Amino acid sequence: MTISTKTFEYKDGETTCVGYLAWDDSVVSARPTVLVNHAWSGRDDFAEGVAIQMAANGYVGIALDNYGDGAQPDTLDEKMAFMGPLKENRKALRSRLKAGYKAAAALPMVDADAMAAIGFCFGGLCTLDMARAGLNLKAAISCHGLLDAPDLKPGKITADILACHGWDDPMAPPDHVVAFGAEMAAAGGDWTLMAFGNTQHAFMVPDANSPDMGLQYNKSAADQSWAAAFDLLRKHFALHGTQAQEGSS
């Protein structure tokens, strides 16, 4: 296996976005693809690492650029300045997500009928919003994601939903979890919520170590979440000849 990587540009209106593509270039046919939605730090090394991890497991991995221009804000204020407007304007966020999805689906190595998405923190919300928009995804995996629903007309959720949640996550408090469960139940599709006790936000990010802010890596919760994520991908993509192996970024 030889994993190749490159960036590629796509447009959402006047905004140029810079995605990151990872794939095994020894495979000539189109194959199942996992879109990676980044956290509030932008399309950073972590998001790119997950894309590479997906490629190593037989998929095409694509880290989307939901901020535009490849932005990777550094400070807390900068991160909020990029994430806040999209979090508050979910219509604009939906447009950005659709643009990334369409650009990915058009790539020659991507099987557009065998796509999934995974996201972390803000990216978890992005992944759920992709499913809420009715995009053609086999699976949508939210990892310590924000759970609140947008005030938009929902599409028909066809994706198999997996939400991995830390019960002590200050960004997704219990009332949000209950509302999310009610939303998913009303949607009528397949969905799973994994909730981990004594677990804060960002529990799958090894560098997260700010418990005073509610951000803390938790290896046990992370390992269980990765295992569940790859099990779900295997479930939907086994017929495509993909045999994913568990791993972590």
Protein backbone atom coordinates (compact mmCIF):
# COMPACT_ATOMS: atom_id res chain seq x y z
CA MET A 1 0.00 0.00 0.00
CA THR A 2 1.26 3.44 -0.96
CA ILE A 3 -0.68 6.31 0.55
CA SER A 4 -0.60 9.52 -1.45
CA THR A 5 -1.77 12.88 -0.16
CA LYS A 6 -2.52 16.20 -1.77
CA THR A 7 -4.64 19.29 -1.29
CA PHE A 8 -7.44 20.26 -3.65
CA GLU A 9 -9.56 23.37 -4.00
CA TYR A 10 -13.32 23.72 -4.19
CA LYS A 11 -15.71 26.65 -3.98
CA ASP A 12 -18.63 27.61 -1.80
CA GLY A 13 -19.91 30.75 -3.48
CA GLU A 14 -16.99 33.18 -3.44
CA THR A 15 -15.08 31.25 -0.77
CA THR A 16 -12.24 28.99 -1.85
CA CYS A 17 -11.87 25.93 0.36
CA VAL A 18 -8.79 23.72 0.50
CA GLY A 19 -9.45 20.07 1.20
CA TYR A 20 -6.90 17.39 1.99
CA LEU A 21 -7.03 14.06 0.16
CA ALA A 22 -5.40 10.77 1.23
CA TRP A 23 -5.70 7.56 -0.79
CA ASP A 24 -3.92 4.39 -1.80
CA ASP A 25 -2.80 5.18 -5.32
CA SER A 26 -2.16 1.51 -6.09
CA VAL A 27 -5.94 1.00 -6.27
CA VAL A 28 -7.34 2.18 -9.60
CA SER A 29 -11.06 1.77 -8.95
CA ALA A 30 -13.33 4.15 -7.07
CA ARG A 31 -13.76 3.11 -3.46
CA PRO A 32 -15.62 3.95 -0.24
CA THR A 33 -14.74 7.36 1.15
CA VAL A 34 -14.76 8.92 4.60
CA LEU A 35 -15.09 12.69 4.88
CA VAL A 36 -13.40 14.22 7.92
CA ASN A 37 -14.91 17.35 9.47
CA HIS A 38 -12.40 19.29 11.51
CA ALA A 39 -12.71 20.74 15.00
CA TRP A 40 -12.53 24.46 15.78
CA SER A 41 -8.82 24.56 14.94
CA GLY A 42 -9.55 24.18 11.23
CA ARG A 43 -8.21 21.56 8.83
CA ASP A 44 -5.18 20.88 10.98
CA ASP A 45 -2.72 18.03 11.50
CA PHE A 46 -5.27 16.05 13.50
CA ALA A 47 -7.89 16.19 10.74
CA GLU A 48 -5.31 15.34 8.10
CA GLY A 49 -4.06 12.49 10.28
CA VAL A 50 -7.56 11.01 10.44
CA ALA A 51 -7.80 11.23 6.64
CA ILE A 52 -4.50 9.35 6.35
CA GLN A 53 -5.74 6.82 8.90
CA MET A 54 -8.82 6.21 6.77
CA ALA A 55 -6.64 5.70 3.68
CA ALA A 56 -4.50 3.23 5.61
CA ASN A 57 -7.66 1.27 6.35
CA GLY A 58 -8.64 0.99 2.70
CA TYR A 59 -10.84 4.04 2.25
CA VAL A 60 -10.31 7.38 0.58
CA GLY A 61 -9.90 9.90 3.39
CA ILE A 62 -10.82 13.53 2.75
CA ALA A 63 -10.38 16.27 5.35
CA LEU A 64 -12.74 19.07 4.38
CA ASP A 65 -12.06 22.77 4.89
CA ASN A 66 -15.18 24.16 6.50
CA TYR A 67 -13.62 27.55 7.31
CA GLY A 68 -12.30 28.30 3.84
CA ASP A 69 -8.85 29.31 2.59
CA GLY A 70 -7.31 26.47 4.60
CA ALA A 71 -7.59 28.58 7.75
CA GLN A 72 -6.09 27.12 10.92
CA PRO A 73 -6.79 29.58 13.74
CA ASP A 74 -4.43 29.37 16.68
CA THR A 75 -5.67 31.31 19.70
CA LEU A 76 -8.95 30.80 21.51
CA ASP A 77 -10.26 34.12 20.20
CA GLU A 78 -9.27 33.25 16.63
CA LYS A 79 -10.95 29.85 16.84
CA MET A 80 -14.16 31.40 18.13
CA ALA A 81 -14.01 34.04 15.38
CA PHE A 82 -14.02 31.30 12.72
CA MET A 83 -16.36 28.81 14.34
CA GLY A 84 -18.86 31.22 15.88
CA PRO A 85 -20.39 32.65 12.68
CA LEU A 86 -20.91 29.18 11.19
CA LYS A 87 -22.30 27.82 14.45
CA GLU A 88 -24.78 30.71 14.54
CA ASN A 89 -25.63 30.61 10.83
CA ARG A 90 -26.40 26.98 10.16
CA LYS A 91 -27.78 27.80 6.71
CA ALA A 92 -24.33 29.08 5.70
CA LEU A 93 -22.74 26.06 7.35
CA ARG A 94 -25.04 23.71 5.43
CA SER A 95 -24.00 25.39 2.18
CA ARG A 96 -20.31 24.95 3.07
CA LEU A 97 -20.82 21.30 3.95
CA LYS A 98 -22.74 20.58 0.75
CA ALA A 99 -19.95 22.19 -1.28
CA GLY A 100 -17.37 19.94 0.34
CA TYR A 101 -19.53 16.87 -0.12
CA LYS A 102 -20.14 17.59 -3.82
CA ALA A 103 -16.46 18.30 -4.47
CA ALA A 104 -15.44 15.06 -2.80
CA ALA A 105 -18.09 13.01 -4.62
CA ALA A 106 -16.77 14.27 -7.96
CA LEU A 107 -13.21 13.02 -7.39
CA PRO A 108 -12.31 10.05 -9.61
CA MET A 109 -11.17 7.76 -6.78
CA VAL A 110 -14.39 8.32 -4.79
CA ASP A 111 -17.38 6.00 -4.99
CA ALA A 112 -20.13 8.60 -4.59
CA ASP A 113 -22.59 5.91 -3.50
CA ALA A 114 -20.32 4.71 -0.69
CA MET A 115 -19.52 7.74 1.42
CA ALA A 116 -19.45 8.33 5.17
CA ALA A 117 -18.42 11.24 7.38
CA ILE A 118 -16.71 11.56 10.74
CA GLY A 119 -16.16 14.73 12.74
CA PHE A 120 -14.74 15.93 16.01
CA CYS A 121 -16.09 18.68 18.30
CA PHE A 122 -17.38 21.36 15.90
CA GLY A 123 -16.76 18.78 13.19
CA GLY A 124 -19.13 16.42 14.96
CA LEU A 125 -21.85 19.03 14.57
CA CYS A 126 -20.84 19.40 10.90
CA THR A 127 -21.15 15.66 10.38
CA LEU A 128 -24.58 15.55 12.00
CA ASP A 129 -25.66 18.54 9.92
CA MET A 130 -24.60 16.69 6.77
CA ALA A 131 -26.90 13.85 7.77
CA ARG A 132 -29.65 16.30 8.74
CA ALA A 133 -29.39 17.88 5.29
CA GLY A 134 -30.18 14.52 3.71
CA LEU A 135 -26.82 14.04 2.02
CA ASN A 136 -26.18 10.57 0.64
CA LEU A 137 -24.05 9.16 3.45
CA LYS A 138 -24.02 5.57 4.62
CA ALA A 139 -22.75 6.56 8.07
CA ALA A 140 -22.29 9.78 10.03
CA ILE A 141 -20.03 9.59 13.08
CA SER A 142 -19.92 12.42 15.61
CA CYS A 143 -17.06 12.31 18.13
CA HIS A 144 -17.54 14.59 21.15
CA GLY A 145 -19.63 16.72 18.82
CA LEU A 146 -22.01 19.57 19.51
CA LEU A 147 -25.48 18.08 19.35
CA ASP A 148 -27.96 20.95 19.01
CA ALA A 149 -30.11 20.83 15.89
CA PRO A 150 -30.25 23.71 13.39
CA ASP A 151 -33.39 25.77 12.92
CA LEU A 152 -33.68 24.56 9.33
CA LYS A 153 -36.03 22.29 7.44
CA PRO A 154 -34.49 18.86 7.84
CA GLY A 155 -33.85 16.50 4.99
CA LYS A 156 -34.54 12.80 5.30
CA ILE A 157 -31.74 11.30 7.36
CA THR A 158 -30.52 8.21 5.53
CA ALA A 159 -27.15 7.88 7.27
CA ASP A 160 -26.58 5.42 10.09
CA ILE A 161 -25.79 7.77 13.00
CA LEU A 162 -23.17 7.14 15.69
CA ALA A 163 -22.62 9.80 18.35
CA CYS A 164 -19.76 9.22 20.81
CA HIS A 165 -20.26 11.54 23.77
CA GLY A 166 -18.53 12.38 27.04
CA TRP A 167 -21.14 12.80 29.76
CA ASP A 168 -19.17 15.61 31.41
CA ASP A 169 -18.78 17.56 28.16
CA PRO A 170 -19.67 21.18 28.97
CA MET A 171 -20.33 21.90 25.29
CA ALA A 172 -23.03 19.22 25.02
CA PRO A 173 -24.83 19.21 28.39
CA PRO A 174 -27.42 16.58 29.32
CA ASP A 175 -30.39 18.59 28.06
CA HIS A 176 -28.75 18.73 24.62
CA VAL A 177 -28.24 14.98 24.73
CA VAL A 178 -31.90 14.34 25.56
CA ALA A 179 -33.01 16.71 22.78
CA PHE A 180 -30.67 14.99 20.34
CA GLY A 181 -32.12 11.61 21.23
CA ALA A 182 -35.64 12.91 20.70
CA GLU A 183 -34.61 14.39 17.35
CA MET A 184 -33.06 11.14 16.17
CA ALA A 185 -36.02 9.08 17.37
CA ALA A 186 -38.40 11.35 15.47
CA ALA A 187 -36.25 11.05 12.33
CA GLY A 188 -36.87 7.32 12.41
CA GLY A 189 -33.49 6.12 11.16
CA ASP A 190 -30.73 4.01 12.66
CA TRP A 191 -28.84 5.80 15.40
CA THR A 192 -26.60 4.96 18.33
CA LEU A 193 -25.48 7.14 21.22
CA MET A 194 -22.42 6.02 23.19
CA ALA A 195 -22.05 8.02 26.40
CA PHE A 196 -18.92 7.72 28.54
CA GLY A 197 -18.98 8.61 32.23
CA ASN A 198 -16.25 10.77 33.78
CA THR A 199 -15.38 11.96 30.28
CA GLN A 200 -15.05 15.55 29.10
CA HIS A 201 -14.93 17.26 25.71
CA ALA A 202 -12.24 16.43 23.11
CA PHE A 203 -11.67 12.99 24.65
CA MET A 204 -10.37 11.55 21.37
CA VAL A 205 -7.70 14.22 20.87
CA PRO A 206 -4.44 13.04 22.49
CA ASP A 207 -3.17 16.60 22.98
CA ALA A 208 -6.30 17.73 24.87
CA ASN A 209 -5.22 18.53 28.43
CA SER A 210 -7.22 21.48 29.76
CA PRO A 211 -9.59 19.95 32.31
CA ASP A 212 -10.34 23.39 33.74
CA MET A 213 -11.96 24.15 30.36
CA GLY A 214 -13.64 20.76 30.16
CA LEU A 215 -11.15 19.45 27.58
CA GLN A 216 -9.41 16.17 28.42
CA TYR A 217 -8.16 13.17 26.46
CA ASN A 218 -9.54 9.85 27.71
CA LYS A 219 -7.80 6.83 26.19
CA SER A 220 -10.44 4.31 27.21
CA ALA A 221 -13.30 6.33 25.74
CA ALA A 222 -11.22 7.12 22.65
CA ASP A 223 -10.33 3.48 22.02
CA GLN A 224 -13.96 2.37 22.39
CA SER A 225 -15.11 5.15 20.07
CA TRP A 226 -12.56 4.30 17.38
CA ALA A 227 -13.59 0.65 17.58
CA ALA A 228 -17.27 1.55 17.21
CA ALA A 229 -16.51 3.90 14.32
CA PHE A 230 -14.60 1.27 12.36
CA ASP A 231 -17.23 -1.36 13.12
CA LEU A 232 -19.84 0.93 11.58
CA LEU A 233 -17.71 1.56 8.50
CA ARG A 234 -17.13 -2.18 8.11
CA LYS A 235 -20.86 -2.79 8.37
CA HIS A 236 -21.64 -0.52 5.44
CA PHE A 237 -18.61 -1.00 3.23
CA ALA A 238 -17.75 -4.71 3.57
CA LEU A 239 -19.46 -5.41 0.23
CA HIS A 240 -16.99 -3.05 -1.40
CA GLY A 241 -14.07 -5.26 -0.41
CA THR A 242 -12.86 -2.95 2.34
CA GLN A 243 -11.66 -4.58 5.53
CA ALA A 244 -10.92 -1.72 7.90
CA GLN A 245 -8.73 -2.26 10.91
CA GLU A 246 -9.16 -0.49 14.20
CA GLY A 247 -6.76 2.33 14.84
CA SER A 248 -6.33 5.74 16.30
CA SER A 249 -4.86 9.00 15.22
